[in-house]
Amino acid sequence: MSEQNEAIANALELLVISQNGIGAAIEELAKWVAERGSVDVADNAVSALQVLDSNAEGIASAIRLLRQEQI
Protein backbone atom coordinates (compact mmCIF):
# COMPACT_ATOMS: atom_id res chain seq x y z
CA MET A 1 0.00 0.00 0.00
CA SER A 2 1.29 3.43 -0.84
CA GLU A 3 2.01 5.84 1.98
CA GLN A 4 -0.69 8.16 0.68
CA ASN A 5 -3.34 5.42 0.67
CA GLU A 6 -2.26 4.29 4.13
CA ALA A 7 -2.65 7.84 5.43
CA ILE A 8 -6.08 8.13 3.80
CA ALA A 9 -7.18 4.77 5.24
CA ASN A 10 -5.96 5.80 8.71
CA ALA A 11 -7.83 9.11 8.49
CA LEU A 12 -10.99 7.32 7.36
CA GLU A 13 -10.69 4.92 10.29
CA LEU A 14 -10.54 7.89 12.67
CA LEU A 15 -13.67 9.28 11.04
CA VAL A 16 -15.50 5.99 11.56
CA ILE A 17 -14.43 5.90 15.21
CA SER A 18 -15.69 9.47 15.62
CA GLN A 19 -18.97 8.60 13.89
CA ASN A 20 -19.44 5.67 16.25
CA GLY A 21 -18.95 7.96 19.24
CA ILE A 22 -21.37 10.54 17.87
CA GLY A 23 -23.85 7.78 17.12
CA ALA A 24 -23.67 6.48 20.68
CA ALA A 25 -24.25 9.98 22.03
CA ILE A 26 -27.23 10.54 19.73
CA GLU A 27 -28.68 7.18 20.76
CA GLU A 28 -28.43 8.08 24.45
CA LEU A 29 -29.98 11.51 23.85
CA ALA A 30 -32.79 10.02 21.77
CA LYS A 31 -33.60 7.59 24.57
CA TRP A 32 -33.56 10.39 27.13
CA VAL A 33 -35.79 12.61 24.96
CA ALA A 34 -38.25 9.77 24.26
CA GLU A 35 -38.54 9.01 27.99
CA ARG A 36 -39.62 12.62 28.49
CA GLY A 37 -42.37 12.44 25.91
CA SER A 38 -40.81 13.99 22.81
CA VAL A 39 -41.23 10.96 20.60
CA ASP A 40 -41.06 12.96 17.35
CA VAL A 41 -37.69 14.42 18.32
CA ALA A 42 -36.44 10.98 19.33
CA ASP A 43 -37.59 9.56 15.98
CA ASN A 44 -35.65 12.28 14.17
CA ALA A 45 -32.55 11.37 16.17
CA VAL A 46 -32.99 7.71 15.21
CA SER A 47 -33.21 8.76 11.55
CA ALA A 48 -29.91 10.59 11.98
CA LEU A 49 -28.42 7.41 13.43
CA GLN A 50 -29.49 5.48 10.35
CA VAL A 51 -27.66 7.99 8.13
CA LEU A 52 -24.52 7.67 10.27
CA ASP A 53 -24.69 3.88 10.03
CA SER A 54 -25.15 3.98 6.28
CA ASN A 55 -22.23 6.37 5.82
CA ALA A 56 -20.02 4.31 8.14
CA GLU A 57 -20.56 1.28 5.91
CA GLY A 58 -19.45 3.28 2.87
CA ILE A 59 -16.36 4.54 4.64
CA ALA A 60 -15.49 1.02 5.82
CA SER A 61 -15.76 -0.19 2.23
CA ALA A 62 -13.35 2.54 1.07
CA ILE A 63 -10.90 1.59 3.84
CA ARG A 64 -10.98 -2.05 2.72
CA LEU A 65 -10.27 -1.04 -0.88
CA LEU A 66 -7.36 1.17 0.15
CA ARG A 67 -5.87 -1.53 2.36
CA GLN A 68 -6.10 -4.19 -0.39
CA GLU A 69 -4.10 -2.16 -2.92
CA GLN A 70 -0.62 -3.47 -3.57
CA ILE A 71 2.42 -1.22 -4.17
PDB file of N, CA and C in Angstrom:
ATOM      1  N   MET A   1       0.846  -1.172   0.000  1.00  0.00           N
ATOM      2  CA  MET A   1       0.000   0.000   0.000  1.00  0.00           C
ATOM      3  C   MET A   1       0.892   1.235   0.000  1.00  0.00           C
ATOM      4  N   SER A   2       0.511   2.201  -0.800  1.00  0.00           N
ATOM      5  CA  SER A   2       1.294   3.431  -0.836  1.00  0.00           C
ATOM      6  C   SER A   2       1.124   4.204   0.477  1.00  0.00           C
ATOM      7  N   GLU A   3       2.100   5.036   0.754  1.00  0.00           N
ATOM      8  CA  GLU A   3       2.011   5.844   1.983  1.00  0.00           C
ATOM      9  C   GLU A   3       0.786   6.745   1.966  1.00  0.00           C
ATOM     10  N   GLN A   4       0.472   7.276   0.787  1.00  0.00           N
ATOM     11  CA  GLN A   4      -0.692   8.157   0.676  1.00  0.00           C
ATOM     12  C   GLN A   4      -1.986   7.395   0.976  1.00  0.00           C
ATOM     13  N   ASN A   5      -2.138   6.204   0.403  1.00  0.00           N
ATOM     14  CA  ASN A   5      -3.340   5.417   0.665  1.00  0.00           C
ATOM     15  C   ASN A   5      -3.417   4.971   2.120  1.00  0.00           C
ATOM     16  N   GLU A   6      -2.272   4.669   2.710  1.00  0.00           N
ATOM     17  CA  GLU A   6      -2.255   4.292   4.126  1.00  0.00           C
ATOM     18  C   GLU A   6      -2.714   5.463   4.993  1.00  0.00           C
ATOM     19  N   ALA A   7      -2.245   6.652   4.674  1.00  0.00           N
ATOM     20  CA  ALA A   7      -2.655   7.844   5.429  1.00  0.00           C
ATOM     21  C   ALA A   7      -4.145   8.099   5.261  1.00  0.00           C
ATOM     22  N   ILE A   8      -4.646   7.924   4.047  1.00  0.00           N
ATOM     23  CA  ILE A   8      -6.084   8.127   3.800  1.00  0.00           C
ATOM     24  C   ILE A   8      -6.893   7.086   4.567  1.00  0.00           C
ATOM     25  N   ALA A   9      -6.464   5.828   4.519  1.00  0.00           N
ATOM     26  CA  ALA A   9      -7.175   4.767   5.240  1.00  0.00           C
ATOM     27  C   ALA A   9      -7.167   5.036   6.740  1.00  0.00           C
ATOM     28  N   ASN A  10      -6.039   5.482   7.276  1.00  0.00           N
ATOM     29  CA  ASN A  10      -5.962   5.798   8.706  1.00  0.00           C
ATOM     30  C   ASN A  10      -6.894   6.945   9.075  1.00  0.00           C
ATOM     31  N   ALA A  11      -6.939   7.969   8.230  1.00  0.00           N
ATOM     32  CA  ALA A  11      -7.832   9.109   8.485  1.00  0.00           C
ATOM     33  C   ALA A  11      -9.288   8.671   8.426  1.00  0.00           C
ATOM     34  N   LEU A  12      -9.616   7.820   7.469  1.00  0.00           N
ATOM     35  CA  LEU A  12     -10.990   7.323   7.359  1.00  0.00           C
ATOM     36  C   LEU A  12     -11.368   6.491   8.585  1.00  0.00           C
ATOM     37  N   GLU A  13     -10.413   5.703   9.083  1.00  0.00           N
ATOM     38  CA  GLU A  13     -10.686   4.924  10.294  1.00  0.00           C
ATOM     39  C   GLU A  13     -10.994   5.837  11.483  1.00  0.00           C
ATOM     40  N   LEU A  14     -10.258   6.935  11.594  1.00  0.00           N
ATOM     41  CA  LEU A  14     -10.539   7.888  12.670  1.00  0.00           C
ATOM     42  C   LEU A  14     -11.924   8.500  12.513  1.00  0.00           C
ATOM     43  N   LEU A  15     -12.326   8.757  11.274  1.00  0.00           N
ATOM     44  CA  LEU A  15     -13.673   9.283  11.036  1.00  0.00           C
ATOM     45  C   LEU A  15     -14.742   8.278  11.466  1.00  0.00           C
ATOM     46  N   VAL A  16     -14.530   7.015  11.162  1.00  0.00           N
ATOM     47  CA  VAL A  16     -15.498   5.987  11.557  1.00  0.00           C
ATOM     48  C   VAL A  16     -15.581   5.891  13.077  1.00  0.00           C
ATOM     49  N   ILE A  17     -14.442   5.941  13.741  1.00  0.00           N
ATOM     50  CA  ILE A  17     -14.429   5.899  15.208  1.00  0.00           C
ATOM     51  C   ILE A  17     -15.193   7.099  15.771  1.00  0.00           C
ATOM     52  N   SER A  18     -14.974   8.267  15.176  1.00  0.00           N
ATOM     53  CA  SER A  18     -15.693   9.466  15.616  1.00  0.00           C
ATOM     54  C   SER A  18     -17.190   9.333  15.366  1.00  0.00           C
ATOM     55  N   GLN A  19     -17.551   8.797  14.201  1.00  0.00           N
ATOM     56  CA  GLN A  19     -18.968   8.602  13.891  1.00  0.00           C
ATOM     57  C   GLN A  19     -19.611   7.654  14.896  1.00  0.00           C
ATOM     58  N   ASN A  20     -18.893   6.614  15.272  1.00  0.00           N
ATOM     59  CA  ASN A  20     -19.443   5.674  16.255  1.00  0.00           C
ATOM     60  C   ASN A  20     -19.696   6.363  17.590  1.00  0.00           C
ATOM     61  N   GLY A  21     -18.766   7.222  17.992  1.00  0.00           N
ATOM     62  CA  GLY A  21     -18.951   7.962  19.243  1.00  0.00           C
ATOM     63  C   GLY A  21     -20.127   8.913  19.170  1.00  0.00           C
ATOM     64  N   ILE A  22     -20.239   9.617  18.059  1.00  0.00           N
ATOM     65  CA  ILE A  22     -21.365  10.536  17.870  1.00  0.00           C
ATOM     66  C   ILE A  22     -22.675   9.752  17.848  1.00  0.00           C
ATOM     67  N   GLY A  23     -22.658   8.613  17.168  1.00  0.00           N
ATOM     68  CA  GLY A  23     -23.854   7.776  17.117  1.00  0.00           C
ATOM     69  C   GLY A  23     -24.291   7.310  18.492  1.00  0.00           C
ATOM     70  N   ALA A  24     -23.346   6.912  19.318  1.00  0.00           N
ATOM     71  CA  ALA A  24     -23.670   6.476  20.684  1.00  0.00           C
ATOM     72  C   ALA A  24     -24.274   7.620  21.488  1.00  0.00           C
ATOM     73  N   ALA A  25     -23.717   8.815  21.315  1.00  0.00           N
ATOM     74  CA  ALA A  25     -24.251   9.976  22.033  1.00  0.00           C
ATOM     75  C   ALA A  25     -25.663  10.302  21.564  1.00  0.00           C
ATOM     76  N   ILE A  26     -25.896  10.261  20.254  1.00  0.00           N
ATOM     77  CA  ILE A  26     -27.234  10.539  19.725  1.00  0.00           C
ATOM     78  C   ILE A  26     -28.232   9.503  20.224  1.00  0.00           C
ATOM     79  N   GLU A  27     -27.798   8.250  20.269  1.00  0.00           N
ATOM     80  CA  GLU A  27     -28.678   7.183  20.758  1.00  0.00           C
ATOM     81  C   GLU A  27     -29.090   7.431  22.215  1.00  0.00           C
ATOM     82  N   GLU A  28     -28.127   7.788  23.041  1.00  0.00           N
ATOM     83  CA  GLU A  28     -28.427   8.083  24.449  1.00  0.00           C
ATOM     84  C   GLU A  28     -29.377   9.276  24.577  1.00  0.00           C
ATOM     85  N   LEU A  29     -29.105  10.325  23.809  1.00  0.00           N
ATOM     86  CA  LEU A  29     -29.976  11.506  23.852  1.00  0.00           C
ATOM     87  C   LEU A  29     -31.370  11.192  23.345  1.00  0.00           C
ATOM     88  N   ALA A  30     -31.477  10.393  22.300  1.00  0.00           N
ATOM     89  CA  ALA A  30     -32.790  10.015  21.766  1.00  0.00           C
ATOM     90  C   ALA A  30     -33.590   9.250  22.814  1.00  0.00           C
ATOM     91  N   LYS A  31     -32.918   8.346  23.511  1.00  0.00           N
ATOM     92  CA  LYS A  31     -33.599   7.586  24.572  1.00  0.00           C
ATOM     93  C   LYS A  31     -34.082   8.527  25.672  1.00  0.00           C
ATOM     94  N   TRP A  32     -33.225   9.443  26.070  1.00  0.00           N
ATOM     95  CA  TRP A  32     -33.563  10.394  27.128  1.00  0.00           C
ATOM     96  C   TRP A  32     -34.744  11.271  26.707  1.00  0.00           C
ATOM     97  N   VAL A  33     -34.721  11.750  25.478  1.00  0.00           N
ATOM     98  CA  VAL A  33     -35.789  12.608  24.964  1.00  0.00           C
ATOM     99  C   VAL A  33     -37.105  11.830  24.880  1.00  0.00           C
ATOM    100  N   ALA A  34     -37.038  10.593  24.381  1.00  0.00           N
ATOM    101  CA  ALA A  34     -38.247   9.771  24.257  1.00  0.00           C
ATOM    102  C   ALA A  34     -38.875   9.500  25.620  1.00  0.00           C
ATOM    103  N   GLU A  35     -38.036   9.266  26.639  1.00  0.00           N
ATOM    104  CA  GLU A  35     -38.542   9.011  27.994  1.00  0.00           C
ATOM    105  C   GLU A  35     -39.262  10.223  28.565  1.00  0.00           C
ATOM    106  N   ARG A  36     -38.991  11.387  28.019  1.00  0.00           N
ATOM    107  CA  ARG A  36     -39.619  12.622  28.494  1.00  0.00           C
ATOM    108  C   ARG A  36     -40.763  13.070  27.594  1.00  0.00           C
ATOM    109  N   GLY A  37     -41.158  12.198  26.675  1.00  0.00           N
ATOM    110  CA  GLY A  37     -42.366  12.444  25.910  1.00  0.00           C
ATOM    111  C   GLY A  37     -42.211  13.073  24.540  1.00  0.00           C
ATOM    112  N   SER A  38     -41.013  13.384  24.133  1.00  0.00           N
ATOM    113  CA  SER A  38     -40.812  13.993  22.811  1.00  0.00           C
ATOM    114  C   SER A  38     -40.464  12.906  21.795  1.00  0.00           C
ATOM    115  N   VAL A  39     -41.457  12.110  21.474  1.00  0.00           N
ATOM    116  CA  VAL A  39     -41.234  10.963  20.601  1.00  0.00           C
ATOM    117  C   VAL A  39     -40.830  11.403  19.192  1.00  0.00           C
ATOM    118  N   ASP A  40     -41.418  12.483  18.689  1.00  0.00           N
ATOM    119  CA  ASP A  40     -41.063  12.963  17.347  1.00  0.00           C
ATOM    120  C   ASP A  40     -39.588  13.352  17.272  1.00  0.00           C
ATOM    121  N   VAL A  41     -39.103  14.028  18.291  1.00  0.00           N
ATOM    122  CA  VAL A  41     -37.687  14.423  18.318  1.00  0.00           C
ATOM    123  C   VAL A  41     -36.808  13.181  18.397  1.00  0.00           C
ATOM    124  N   ALA A  42     -37.204  12.224  19.208  1.00  0.00           N
ATOM    125  CA  ALA A  42     -36.445  10.979  19.332  1.00  0.00           C
ATOM    126  C   ALA A  42     -36.416  10.231  18.002  1.00  0.00           C
ATOM    127  N   ASP A  43     -37.534  10.212  17.296  1.00  0.00           N
ATOM    128  CA  ASP A  43     -37.587   9.559  15.985  1.00  0.00           C
ATOM    129  C   ASP A  43     -36.645  10.236  14.989  1.00  0.00           C
ATOM    130  N   ASN A  44     -36.580  11.558  15.041  1.00  0.00           N
ATOM    131  CA  ASN A  44     -35.652  12.285  14.174  1.00  0.00           C
ATOM    132  C   ASN A  44     -34.203  11.914  14.489  1.00  0.00           C
ATOM    133  N   ALA A  45     -33.903  11.761  15.763  1.00  0.00           N
ATOM    134  CA  ALA A  45     -32.552  11.369  16.166  1.00  0.00           C
ATOM    135  C   ALA A  45     -32.228   9.973  15.653  1.00  0.00           C
ATOM    136  N   VAL A  46     -33.201   9.079  15.714  1.00  0.00           N
ATOM    137  CA  VAL A  46     -32.993   7.710  15.212  1.00  0.00           C
ATOM    138  C   VAL A  46     -32.751   7.741  13.698  1.00  0.00           C
ATOM    139  N   SER A  47     -33.449   8.609  12.996  1.00  0.00           N
ATOM    140  CA  SER A  47     -33.210   8.760  11.553  1.00  0.00           C
ATOM    141  C   SER A  47     -31.782   9.222  11.289  1.00  0.00           C
ATOM    142  N   ALA A  48     -31.286  10.137  12.114  1.00  0.00           N
ATOM    143  CA  ALA A  48     -29.908  10.595  11.977  1.00  0.00           C
ATOM    144  C   ALA A  48     -28.937   9.446  12.222  1.00  0.00           C
ATOM    145  N   LEU A  49     -29.262   8.579  13.164  1.00  0.00           N
ATOM    146  CA  LEU A  49     -28.418   7.407  13.427  1.00  0.00           C
ATOM    147  C   LEU A  49     -28.349   6.491  12.211  1.00  0.00           C
ATOM    148  N   GLN A  50     -29.472   6.332  11.530  1.00  0.00           N
ATOM    149  CA  GLN A  50     -29.492   5.483  10.346  1.00  0.00           C
ATOM    150  C   GLN A  50     -28.581   6.045   9.254  1.00  0.00           C
ATOM    151  N   VAL A  51     -28.550   7.357   9.113  1.00  0.00           N
ATOM    152  CA  VAL A  51     -27.664   7.989   8.135  1.00  0.00           C
ATOM    153  C   VAL A  51     -26.204   7.752   8.522  1.00  0.00           C
ATOM    154  N   LEU A  52     -25.888   7.925   9.812  1.00  0.00           N
ATOM    155  CA  LEU A  52     -24.522   7.673  10.269  1.00  0.00           C
ATOM    156  C   LEU A  52     -24.104   6.230   9.995  1.00  0.00           C
ATOM    157  N   ASP A  53     -25.004   5.289  10.273  1.00  0.00           N
ATOM    158  CA  ASP A  53     -24.693   3.875  10.033  1.00  0.00           C
ATOM    159  C   ASP A  53     -24.449   3.604   8.555  1.00  0.00           C
ATOM    160  N   SER A  54     -25.296   4.163   7.721  1.00  0.00           N
ATOM    161  CA  SER A  54     -25.146   3.975   6.276  1.00  0.00           C
ATOM    162  C   SER A  54     -23.821   4.549   5.784  1.00  0.00           C
ATOM    163  N   ASN A  55     -23.486   5.738   6.227  1.00  0.00           N
ATOM    164  CA  ASN A  55     -22.230   6.367   5.821  1.00  0.00           C
ATOM    165  C   ASN A  55     -21.024   5.608   6.359  1.00  0.00           C
ATOM    166  N   ALA A  56     -21.118   5.074   7.561  1.00  0.00           N
ATOM    167  CA  ALA A  56     -20.017   4.310   8.140  1.00  0.00           C
ATOM    168  C   ALA A  56     -19.721   3.071   7.292  1.00  0.00           C
ATOM    169  N   GLU A  57     -20.766   2.455   6.758  1.00  0.00           N
ATOM    170  CA  GLU A  57     -20.562   1.282   5.908  1.00  0.00           C
ATOM    171  C   GLU A  57     -19.808   1.672   4.632  1.00  0.00           C
ATOM    172  N   GLY A  58     -20.151   2.806   4.058  1.00  0.00           N
ATOM    173  CA  GLY A  58     -19.447   3.275   2.866  1.00  0.00           C
ATOM    174  C   GLY A  58     -17.994   3.594   3.139  1.00  0.00           C
ATOM    175  N   ILE A  59     -17.736   4.214   4.272  1.00  0.00           N
ATOM    176  CA  ILE A  59     -16.360   4.544   4.641  1.00  0.00           C
ATOM    177  C   ILE A  59     -15.560   3.263   4.889  1.00  0.00           C
ATOM    178  N   ALA A  60     -16.173   2.297   5.559  1.00  0.00           N
ATOM    179  CA  ALA A  60     -15.493   1.023   5.818  1.00  0.00           C
ATOM    180  C   ALA A  60     -15.144   0.320   4.507  1.00  0.00           C
ATOM    181  N   SER A  61     -16.023   0.402   3.537  1.00  0.00           N
ATOM    182  CA  SER A  61     -15.755  -0.186   2.228  1.00  0.00           C
ATOM    183  C   SER A  61     -14.556   0.490   1.568  1.00  0.00           C
ATOM    184  N   ALA A  62     -14.482   1.806   1.643  1.00  0.00           N
ATOM    185  CA  ALA A  62     -13.346   2.538   1.070  1.00  0.00           C
ATOM    186  C   ALA A  62     -12.045   2.160   1.771  1.00  0.00           C
ATOM    187  N   ILE A  63     -12.093   1.992   3.082  1.00  0.00           N
ATOM    188  CA  ILE A  63     -10.902   1.586   3.835  1.00  0.00           C
ATOM    189  C   ILE A  63     -10.421   0.219   3.352  1.00  0.00           C
ATOM    190  N   ARG A  64     -11.365  -0.707   3.195  1.00  0.00           N
ATOM    191  CA  ARG A  64     -10.981  -2.048   2.721  1.00  0.00           C
ATOM    192  C   ARG A  64     -10.314  -1.976   1.352  1.00  0.00           C
ATOM    193  N   LEU A  65     -10.864  -1.179   0.451  1.00  0.00           N
ATOM    194  CA  LEU A  65     -10.272  -1.036  -0.878  1.00  0.00           C
ATOM    195  C   LEU A  65      -8.867  -0.458  -0.808  1.00  0.00           C
ATOM    196  N   LEU A  66      -8.681   0.559   0.020  1.00  0.00           N
ATOM    197  CA  LEU A  66      -7.360   1.170   0.152  1.00  0.00           C
ATOM    198  C   LEU A  66      -6.351   0.181   0.735  1.00  0.00           C
ATOM    199  N   ARG A  67      -6.772  -0.594   1.696  1.00  0.00           N
ATOM    200  CA  ARG A  67      -5.869  -1.528   2.363  1.00  0.00           C
ATOM    201  C   ARG A  67      -5.516  -2.725   1.468  1.00  0.00           C
ATOM    202  N   GLN A  68      -6.359  -3.053   0.494  1.00  0.00           N
ATOM    203  CA  GLN A  68      -6.100  -4.191  -0.393  1.00  0.00           C
ATOM    204  C   GLN A  68      -5.115  -3.849  -1.495  1.00  0.00           C
ATOM    205  N   GLU A  69      -4.957  -2.565  -1.813  1.00  0.00           N
ATOM    206  CA  GLU A  69      -4.098  -2.156  -2.924  1.00  0.00           C
ATOM    207  C   GLU A  69      -2.653  -2.562  -2.659  1.00  0.00           C
ATOM    208  N   GLN A  70      -2.030  -3.094  -3.677  1.00  0.00           N
ATOM    209  CA  GLN A  70      -0.620  -3.469  -3.574  1.00  0.00           C
ATOM    210  C   GLN A  70       0.250  -2.363  -4.147  1.00  0.00           C
ATOM    211  N   ILE A  71       1.481  -2.253  -3.672  1.00  0.00           N
ATOM    212  CA  ILE A  71       2.418  -1.215  -4.170  1.00  0.00           C
ATOM    213  C   ILE A  71       2.828  -1.522  -5.587  1.00  0.00           C
TER     214      ILE A  71
END
